[in-house]
Amino acid sequence: MSDDYEKSPWICHVCGYTSVVEEGIACDRCYKITCRRHLTVATVHNEDSGLYELKQICVECQLRKHLH
């Protein structure tokens, strides 16, 4: 099989950026694919363990948290 078979395009759900070269990253909260520009690492409280964990959260989920 060729290398092109492994590459599949993805689209950022925030800005619409697409790529087959770089990898898109899934938001740890909404699980939508996001480009690196619209993703940040945030501390999130894990209610099961009681500890804070570092999660990659998209800007839409960050804004949604502040609006509700």
Protein backbone atom coordinates (compact mmCIF):
# COMPACT_ATOMS: atom_id res chain seq x y z
CA MET A 1 0.00 0.00 0.00
CA SER A 2 1.17 3.51 -0.66
CA ASP A 3 1.80 6.23 1.94
CA ASP A 4 -1.17 8.19 0.57
CA TYR A 5 -3.52 5.49 1.84
CA GLU A 6 -2.66 6.38 5.46
CA LYS A 7 -3.28 10.11 5.00
CA SER A 8 -6.82 11.35 5.31
CA PRO A 9 -7.93 14.99 5.39
CA TRP A 10 -9.42 16.51 8.52
CA ILE A 11 -11.12 19.85 9.18
CA CYS A 12 -10.97 22.08 12.26
CA HIS A 13 -14.48 22.55 13.66
CA VAL A 14 -13.61 26.08 14.82
CA CYS A 15 -12.00 27.74 11.79
CA GLY A 16 -12.43 25.27 8.94
CA TYR A 17 -8.67 24.73 8.42
CA THR A 18 -7.96 21.46 6.60
CA SER A 19 -4.79 19.43 6.21
CA VAL A 20 -3.46 16.04 5.22
CA VAL A 21 0.09 16.87 6.33
CA GLU A 22 -0.40 17.83 10.00
CA GLU A 23 -2.55 15.93 12.45
CA GLY A 24 -5.77 17.29 13.86
CA ILE A 25 -6.25 16.88 17.60
CA ALA A 26 -9.50 15.90 19.30
CA CYS A 27 -10.77 18.11 22.11
CA ASP A 28 -10.88 16.17 25.39
CA ARG A 29 -14.29 17.66 26.21
CA CYS A 30 -16.35 17.62 22.97
CA TYR A 31 -14.13 15.16 21.01
CA LYS A 32 -14.29 17.28 17.84
CA ILE A 33 -11.16 17.65 15.68
CA THR A 34 -9.35 20.95 16.14
CA CYS A 35 -6.21 22.58 14.77
CA ARG A 36 -3.41 23.47 17.16
CA ARG A 37 -4.27 27.20 17.07
CA HIS A 38 -7.68 26.58 18.63
CA LEU A 39 -6.60 24.12 21.30
CA THR A 40 -5.12 24.84 24.71
CA VAL A 41 -4.12 22.80 27.73
CA ALA A 42 -6.35 23.41 30.74
CA THR A 43 -6.66 21.93 34.21
CA VAL A 44 -9.89 19.96 34.62
CA HIS A 45 -11.18 18.49 37.87
CA ASN A 46 -11.72 14.72 37.71
CA GLU A 47 -14.67 14.03 40.00
CA ASP A 48 -13.88 10.30 40.21
CA SER A 49 -10.33 10.70 41.51
CA GLY A 50 -10.66 14.17 43.05
CA LEU A 51 -7.51 15.25 41.22
CA TYR A 52 -6.91 17.90 38.58
CA GLU A 53 -5.77 16.68 35.17
CA LEU A 54 -4.30 18.46 32.17
CA LYS A 55 -6.66 18.22 29.19
CA GLN A 56 -6.56 19.63 25.67
CA ILE A 57 -9.68 21.81 25.34
CA CYS A 58 -10.84 23.71 22.24
CA VAL A 59 -11.76 27.39 22.41
CA GLU A 60 -15.47 26.66 21.88
CA CYS A 61 -15.59 24.47 24.99
CA GLN A 62 -13.63 27.07 26.96
CA LEU A 63 -16.08 29.81 25.95
CA ARG A 64 -19.09 27.59 26.61
CA LYS A 65 -17.83 27.04 30.18
CA HIS A 66 -17.66 30.80 30.79
CA LEU A 67 -21.05 31.55 29.21
CA HIS A 68 -23.04 29.05 31.28
